[in-house]
Amino acid sequence: MGIVNEGIEDYLSDILPQVDPVLKEMESRAREQEFPIVGPLVGRLLYQLVCLMKAGRILELGSGFGYSGYWFGRALDELGEIHLTEFSEENLELARSFFAQGKIRCEAHFHQGDGVEILESLEGQFDIIFNDVDKHRYPEVLPKAAARLRRGGLLISDNVLWHGRVVESDPDETTRKVLEYNRLIFEDSNFFSSIIPIRDGVSFSLKQ
């Protein structure tokens, strides 16, 4: 099921300027390999949020080959810091290469392994945590991310509409976990949450 009218999504994509050849290369790779990335519509939103929040420290849980991390990194200045986490060593090396090609100015750390476990091993608080781990683990992420976000920090989660499966009458186990996560972010008094139905659905939970 499409989340956004296909014609509208094509229109929005067509009017975007493409000024970064590294992003263009990453998007081409994603199309060729059918690898899921947030895409430029969400990427530009992530960039704006970093600037609006004046964020300085960001953590990604599940980074793939670094597409969303690259958007975050573009928005950070040389005093900023981003941590990317990814199971695949190959993807992580690609992310490192793309960051180098794009001359990302911030301090970037690339961690191989389980993003949730890496979250618990890192010290200090974050301004933004981007959650894109396996969907069945989403409910597990919420309390752990809440403990590591500063007040006024933002927890962002991808795929919260899960290809439209969240409205199916008989959801599978993974979809039930996404549904549970969506319920939890609105019930949790520590957060003020919204879901934007762009691409595959992105949630934004502001820590109060």
C-alpha atoms as a PDB file:
ATOM      1  CA  MET A   1       0.000   0.000   0.000  1.00  0.00           C
ATOM      2  CA  GLY A   2       1.333   3.442  -0.919  1.00  0.00           C
ATOM      3  CA  ILE A   3       1.466   5.909   1.976  1.00  0.00           C
ATOM      4  CA  VAL A   4       1.645   9.051  -0.145  1.00  0.00           C
ATOM      5  CA  ASN A   5      -0.150   9.540  -3.455  1.00  0.00           C
ATOM      6  CA  GLU A   6       2.397   8.431  -6.041  1.00  0.00           C
ATOM      7  CA  GLY A   7       1.881  11.494  -8.204  1.00  0.00           C
ATOM      8  CA  ILE A   8       2.381  13.834  -5.254  1.00  0.00           C
ATOM      9  CA  GLU A   9       5.532  12.005  -4.203  1.00  0.00           C
ATOM     10  CA  ASP A  10       6.902  12.180  -7.753  1.00  0.00           C
ATOM     11  CA  TYR A  11       6.094  15.897  -7.899  1.00  0.00           C
ATOM     12  CA  LEU A  12       7.860  16.603  -4.590  1.00  0.00           C
ATOM     13  CA  SER A  13      10.889  14.595  -5.674  1.00  0.00           C
ATOM     14  CA  ASP A  14      11.035  16.318  -9.053  1.00  0.00           C
ATOM     15  CA  ILE A  15      11.172  19.838  -7.622  1.00  0.00           C
ATOM     16  CA  LEU A  16      14.057  19.075  -5.264  1.00  0.00           C
ATOM     17  CA  PRO A  17      17.468  20.396  -6.244  1.00  0.00           C
ATOM     18  CA  GLN A  18      20.227  17.798  -6.361  1.00  0.00           C
ATOM     19  CA  VAL A  19      23.401  19.577  -5.402  1.00  0.00           C
ATOM     20  CA  ASP A  20      25.378  16.818  -3.699  1.00  0.00           C
ATOM     21  CA  PRO A  21      26.936  14.169  -5.988  1.00  0.00           C
ATOM     22  CA  VAL A  22      27.551  11.854  -3.023  1.00  0.00           C
ATOM     23  CA  LEU A  23      23.852  11.773  -2.181  1.00  0.00           C
ATOM     24  CA  LYS A  24      23.098  11.124  -5.842  1.00  0.00           C
ATOM     25  CA  GLU A  25      25.498   8.177  -5.811  1.00  0.00           C
ATOM     26  CA  MET A  26      23.933   6.793  -2.627  1.00  0.00           C
ATOM     27  CA  GLU A  27      20.433   7.101  -4.063  1.00  0.00           C
ATOM     28  CA  SER A  28      21.515   5.331  -7.263  1.00  0.00           C
ATOM     29  CA  ARG A  29      23.035   2.507  -5.228  1.00  0.00           C
ATOM     30  CA  ALA A  30      19.842   2.155  -3.222  1.00  0.00           C
ATOM     31  CA  ARG A  31      17.727   1.900  -6.391  1.00  0.00           C
ATOM     32  CA  GLU A  32      20.044  -0.618  -8.050  1.00  0.00           C
ATOM     33  CA  GLN A  33      20.258  -2.838  -4.979  1.00  0.00           C
ATOM     34  CA  GLU A  34      16.663  -2.246  -3.795  1.00  0.00           C
ATOM     35  CA  PHE A  35      18.154  -1.116  -0.506  1.00  0.00           C
ATOM     36  CA  PRO A  36      15.784   0.869   1.744  1.00  0.00           C
ATOM     37  CA  ILE A  37      16.837   4.454   2.491  1.00  0.00           C
ATOM     38  CA  VAL A  38      14.780   7.356   3.829  1.00  0.00           C
ATOM     39  CA  GLY A  39      15.182   9.233   0.542  1.00  0.00           C
ATOM     40  CA  PRO A  40      15.649  12.947  -0.083  1.00  0.00           C
ATOM     41  CA  LEU A  41      12.214  14.087   1.137  1.00  0.00           C
ATOM     42  CA  VAL A  42      12.873  12.714   4.605  1.00  0.00           C
ATOM     43  CA  GLY A  43      16.596  13.503   4.395  1.00  0.00           C
ATOM     44  CA  ARG A  44      15.934  17.215   3.926  1.00  0.00           C
ATOM     45  CA  LEU A  45      13.593  17.154   6.916  1.00  0.00           C
ATOM     46  CA  LEU A  46      16.291  15.557   9.067  1.00  0.00           C
ATOM     47  CA  TYR A  47      18.738  18.258   7.976  1.00  0.00           C
ATOM     48  CA  GLN A  48      16.277  21.003   8.916  1.00  0.00           C
ATOM     49  CA  LEU A  49      15.588  19.488  12.330  1.00  0.00           C
ATOM     50  CA  VAL A  50      19.292  19.432  13.186  1.00  0.00           C
ATOM     51  CA  CYS A  51      19.540  23.105  12.281  1.00  0.00           C
ATOM     52  CA  LEU A  52      16.343  24.116  14.089  1.00  0.00           C
ATOM     53  CA  MET A  53      17.330  22.254  17.257  1.00  0.00           C
ATOM     54  CA  LYS A  54      20.949  23.357  17.032  1.00  0.00           C
ATOM     55  CA  ALA A  55      21.725  19.694  17.684  1.00  0.00           C
ATOM     56  CA  GLY A  56      25.307  18.765  18.418  1.00  0.00           C
ATOM     57  CA  ARG A  57      25.244  15.044  19.247  1.00  0.00           C
ATOM     58  CA  ILE A  58      23.327  12.438  17.250  1.00  0.00           C
ATOM     59  CA  LEU A  59      23.014   8.660  17.420  1.00  0.00           C
ATOM     60  CA  GLU A  60      21.665   6.390  14.697  1.00  0.00           C
ATOM     61  CA  LEU A  61      20.359   2.931  15.548  1.00  0.00           C
ATOM     62  CA  GLY A  62      20.667   1.081  12.247  1.00  0.00           C
ATOM     63  CA  SER A  63      22.535   3.125   9.653  1.00  0.00           C
ATOM     64  CA  GLY A  64      22.706   0.946   6.543  1.00  0.00           C
ATOM     65  CA  PHE A  65      25.360   2.442   4.278  1.00  0.00           C
ATOM     66  CA  GLY A  66      24.948   5.859   5.879  1.00  0.00           C
ATOM     67  CA  TYR A  67      22.303   7.709   3.871  1.00  0.00           C
ATOM     68  CA  SER A  68      20.319   9.245   6.737  1.00  0.00           C
ATOM     69  CA  GLY A  69      23.536   9.664   8.712  1.00  0.00           C
ATOM     70  CA  TYR A  70      24.985  11.620   5.815  1.00  0.00           C
ATOM     71  CA  TRP A  71      22.050  14.046   5.909  1.00  0.00           C
ATOM     72  CA  PHE A  72      22.548  14.487   9.656  1.00  0.00           C
ATOM     73  CA  GLY A  73      26.286  14.907   9.149  1.00  0.00           C
ATOM     74  CA  ARG A  74      25.803  17.585   6.488  1.00  0.00           C
ATOM     75  CA  ALA A  75      23.821  19.660   8.987  1.00  0.00           C
ATOM     76  CA  LEU A  76      26.351  19.359  11.817  1.00  0.00           C
ATOM     77  CA  ASP A  77      29.311  21.702  12.054  1.00  0.00           C
ATOM     78  CA  GLU A  78      32.864  20.725  12.952  1.00  0.00           C
ATOM     79  CA  LEU A  79      31.987  20.707  16.669  1.00  0.00           C
ATOM     80  CA  GLY A  80      29.156  18.222  16.110  1.00  0.00           C
ATOM     81  CA  GLU A  81      29.301  14.479  16.698  1.00  0.00           C
ATOM     82  CA  ILE A  82      27.405  11.600  15.127  1.00  0.00           C
ATOM     83  CA  HIS A  83      27.483   7.892  15.950  1.00  0.00           C
ATOM     84  CA  LEU A  84      26.411   5.425  13.257  1.00  0.00           C
ATOM     85  CA  THR A  85      25.631   1.807  14.164  1.00  0.00           C
ATOM     86  CA  GLU A  86      25.279  -1.056  11.718  1.00  0.00           C
ATOM     87  CA  PHE A  87      25.507  -4.867  11.779  1.00  0.00           C
ATOM     88  CA  SER A  88      27.082  -5.144   8.326  1.00  0.00           C
ATOM     89  CA  GLU A  89      30.795  -4.371   8.165  1.00  0.00           C
ATOM     90  CA  GLU A  90      30.487  -3.829   4.411  1.00  0.00           C
ATOM     91  CA  ASN A  91      27.721  -1.252   4.830  1.00  0.00           C
ATOM     92  CA  LEU A  92      29.632   0.502   7.573  1.00  0.00           C
ATOM     93  CA  GLU A  93      32.725   0.801   5.390  1.00  0.00           C
ATOM     94  CA  LEU A  94      30.582   2.229   2.606  1.00  0.00           C
ATOM     95  CA  ALA A  95      29.203   4.784   5.049  1.00  0.00           C
ATOM     96  CA  ARG A  96      32.722   5.728   6.099  1.00  0.00           C
ATOM     97  CA  SER A  97      33.682   6.147   2.438  1.00  0.00           C
ATOM     98  CA  PHE A  98      30.659   8.316   1.641  1.00  0.00           C
ATOM     99  CA  PHE A  99      31.362  10.547   4.643  1.00  0.00           C
ATOM    100  CA  ALA A 100      34.940  10.979   3.448  1.00  0.00           C
ATOM    101  CA  GLN A 101      33.856  11.728  -0.125  1.00  0.00           C
ATOM    102  CA  GLY A 102      31.379  14.310   1.078  1.00  0.00           C
ATOM    103  CA  LYS A 103      33.912  15.902   3.399  1.00  0.00           C
ATOM    104  CA  ILE A 104      31.493  15.793   6.319  1.00  0.00           C
ATOM    105  CA  ARG A 105      32.886  18.219   8.886  1.00  0.00           C
ATOM    106  CA  CYS A 106      31.572  16.747  12.135  1.00  0.00           C
ATOM    107  CA  GLU A 107      33.231  14.063  14.224  1.00  0.00           C
ATOM    108  CA  ALA A 108      31.852  10.749  12.994  1.00  0.00           C
ATOM    109  CA  HIS A 109      32.045   7.399  14.792  1.00  0.00           C
ATOM    110  CA  PHE A 110      31.211   4.121  13.031  1.00  0.00           C
ATOM    111  CA  HIS A 111      30.195   1.232  15.295  1.00  0.00           C
ATOM    112  CA  GLN A 112      29.692  -2.296  14.018  1.00  0.00           C
ATOM    113  CA  GLY A 113      27.154  -4.381  15.905  1.00  0.00           C
ATOM    114  CA  ASP A 114      23.744  -4.230  17.537  1.00  0.00           C
ATOM    115  CA  GLY A 115      22.558  -0.620  17.678  1.00  0.00           C
ATOM    116  CA  VAL A 116      20.605  -1.066  20.914  1.00  0.00           C
ATOM    117  CA  GLU A 117      23.578  -2.659  22.652  1.00  0.00           C
ATOM    118  CA  ILE A 118      25.865   0.094  21.362  1.00  0.00           C
ATOM    119  CA  LEU A 119      23.421   2.701  22.684  1.00  0.00           C
ATOM    120  CA  GLU A 120      23.781   1.227  26.156  1.00  0.00           C
ATOM    121  CA  SER A 121      27.580   1.170  25.907  1.00  0.00           C
ATOM    122  CA  LEU A 122      28.005   4.825  24.929  1.00  0.00           C
ATOM    123  CA  GLU A 123      28.277   7.580  27.513  1.00  0.00           C
ATOM    124  CA  GLY A 124      26.420  10.847  27.761  1.00  0.00           C
ATOM    125  CA  GLN A 125      23.184  12.153  26.316  1.00  0.00           C
ATOM    126  CA  PHE A 126      22.110  12.863  22.763  1.00  0.00           C
ATOM    127  CA  ASP A 127      20.149  15.625  21.093  1.00  0.00           C
ATOM    128  CA  ILE A 128      18.695  13.296  18.451  1.00  0.00           C
ATOM    129  CA  ILE A 129      18.360   9.516  18.312  1.00  0.00           C
ATOM    130  CA  PHE A 130      17.299   8.066  14.965  1.00  0.00           C
ATOM    131  CA  ASN A 131      15.708   4.634  15.284  1.00  0.00           C
ATOM    132  CA  ASP A 132      15.778   2.275  12.311  1.00  0.00           C
ATOM    133  CA  VAL A 133      16.518  -1.110  13.892  1.00  0.00           C
ATOM    134  CA  ASP A 134      14.578  -4.279  13.114  1.00  0.00           C
ATOM    135  CA  LYS A 135      10.915  -3.365  13.517  1.00  0.00           C
ATOM    136  CA  HIS A 136      10.135  -6.100  16.022  1.00  0.00           C
ATOM    137  CA  ARG A 137      12.530  -4.346  18.426  1.00  0.00           C
ATOM    138  CA  TYR A 138      10.908  -0.922  18.256  1.00  0.00           C
ATOM    139  CA  PRO A 139       9.054  -1.180  21.613  1.00  0.00           C
ATOM    140  CA  GLU A 140      12.366  -2.128  23.259  1.00  0.00           C
ATOM    141  CA  VAL A 141      14.031   1.008  21.919  1.00  0.00           C
ATOM    142  CA  LEU A 142      11.652   3.546  23.481  1.00  0.00           C
ATOM    143  CA  PRO A 143      12.639   3.358  27.185  1.00  0.00           C
ATOM    144  CA  LYS A 144      16.323   2.958  26.366  1.00  0.00           C
ATOM    145  CA  ALA A 145      16.310   5.955  24.052  1.00  0.00           C
ATOM    146  CA  ALA A 146      14.320   8.002  26.561  1.00  0.00           C
ATOM    147  CA  ALA A 147      17.050   7.493  29.138  1.00  0.00           C
ATOM    148  CA  ARG A 148      19.712   8.783  26.761  1.00  0.00           C
ATOM    149  CA  LEU A 149      17.989  11.800  25.251  1.00  0.00           C
ATOM    150  CA  ARG A 150      18.380  15.218  26.796  1.00  0.00           C
ATOM    151  CA  ARG A 151      15.269  17.121  27.734  1.00  0.00           C
ATOM    152  CA  GLY A 152      14.102  18.730  24.506  1.00  0.00           C
ATOM    153  CA  GLY A 153      15.805  15.973  22.529  1.00  0.00           C
ATOM    154  CA  LEU A 154      14.142  14.143  19.681  1.00  0.00           C
ATOM    155  CA  LEU A 155      13.569  10.439  19.028  1.00  0.00           C
ATOM    156  CA  ILE A 156      12.887   9.858  15.329  1.00  0.00           C
ATOM    157  CA  SER A 157      11.695   6.467  14.058  1.00  0.00           C
ATOM    158  CA  ASP A 158      11.385   5.326  10.455  1.00  0.00           C
ATOM    159  CA  ASN A 159       8.821   2.933   8.921  1.00  0.00           C
ATOM    160  CA  VAL A 160       6.112   3.526  11.529  1.00  0.00           C
ATOM    161  CA  LEU A 161       3.351   3.044   8.935  1.00  0.00           C
ATOM    162  CA  TRP A 162       5.082  -0.099   7.698  1.00  0.00           C
ATOM    163  CA  HIS A 163       3.967  -0.056   4.050  1.00  0.00           C
ATOM    164  CA  GLY A 164       0.381   0.537   5.165  1.00  0.00           C
ATOM    165  CA  ARG A 165       0.225  -2.740   7.072  1.00  0.00           C
ATOM    166  CA  VAL A 166      -0.689  -0.864  10.262  1.00  0.00           C
ATOM    167  CA  VAL A 167      -4.298  -0.644   9.010  1.00  0.00           C
ATOM    168  CA  GLU A 168      -4.656  -4.316   8.060  1.00  0.00           C
ATOM    169  CA  SER A 169      -7.302  -6.286   9.939  1.00  0.00           C
ATOM    170  CA  ASP A 170      -4.985  -9.210  10.699  1.00  0.00           C
ATOM    171  CA  PRO A 171      -1.457  -7.785  11.192  1.00  0.00           C
ATOM    172  CA  ASP A 172       1.543 -10.090  11.365  1.00  0.00           C
ATOM    173  CA  GLU A 173       3.911 -10.160  14.341  1.00  0.00           C
ATOM    174  CA  THR A 174       6.273  -7.481  13.028  1.00  0.00           C
ATOM    175  CA  THR A 175       3.375  -5.157  12.255  1.00  0.00           C
ATOM    176  CA  ARG A 176       1.993  -5.723  15.752  1.00  0.00           C
ATOM    177  CA  LYS A 177       5.328  -4.549  17.164  1.00  0.00           C
ATOM    178  CA  VAL A 178       5.164  -1.394  15.039  1.00  0.00           C
ATOM    179  CA  LEU A 179       1.579  -0.829  16.221  1.00  0.00           C
ATOM    180  CA  GLU A 180       2.690  -1.315  19.815  1.00  0.00           C
ATOM    181  CA  TYR A 181       5.504   1.189  19.371  1.00  0.00           C
ATOM    182  CA  ASN A 182       3.157   3.774  17.878  1.00  0.00           C
ATOM    183  CA  ARG A 183       0.766   3.332  20.786  1.00  0.00           C
ATOM    184  CA  LEU A 184       3.569   3.648  23.307  1.00  0.00           C
ATOM    185  CA  ILE A 185       5.026   6.894  21.949  1.00  0.00           C
ATOM    186  CA  PHE A 186       1.632   8.578  22.287  1.00  0.00           C
ATOM    187  CA  GLU A 187       0.938   7.126  25.734  1.00  0.00           C
ATOM    188  CA  ASP A 188       4.371   7.920  27.187  1.00  0.00           C
ATOM    189  CA  SER A 189       4.144  11.172  29.164  1.00  0.00           C
ATOM    190  CA  ASN A 190       7.883  11.696  28.683  1.00  0.00           C
ATOM    191  CA  PHE A 191       7.254  12.443  25.001  1.00  0.00           C
ATOM    192  CA  PHE A 192       5.134  14.616  22.768  1.00  0.00           C
ATOM    193  CA  SER A 193       4.832  12.668  19.522  1.00  0.00           C
ATOM    194  CA  SER A 194       3.641  13.091  15.966  1.00  0.00           C
ATOM    195  CA  ILE A 195       3.665  10.828  12.905  1.00  0.00           C
ATOM    196  CA  ILE A 196       4.211  12.325   9.466  1.00  0.00           C
ATOM    197  CA  PRO A 197       2.854  10.126   6.641  1.00  0.00           C
ATOM    198  CA  ILE A 198       5.793  10.760   4.353  1.00  0.00           C
ATOM    199  CA  ARG A 199       7.477   7.871   2.511  1.00  0.00           C
ATOM    200  CA  ASP A 200       6.869   4.936   4.924  1.00  0.00           C
ATOM    201  CA  GLY A 201       5.825   7.027   7.912  1.00  0.00           C
ATOM    202  CA  VAL A 202       8.229   8.817  10.275  1.00  0.00           C
ATOM    203  CA  SER A 203       7.521   9.508  13.951  1.00  0.00           C
ATOM    204  CA  PHE A 204       8.941  12.416  15.917  1.00  0.00           C
ATOM    205  CA  SER A 205       8.911  12.179  19.697  1.00  0.00           C
ATOM    206  CA  LEU A 206      10.034  15.239  21.656  1.00  0.00           C
ATOM    207  CA  LYS A 207      11.318  14.482  25.140  1.00  0.00           C
ATOM    208  CA  GLN A 208       9.598  16.732  27.656  1.00  0.00           C
END
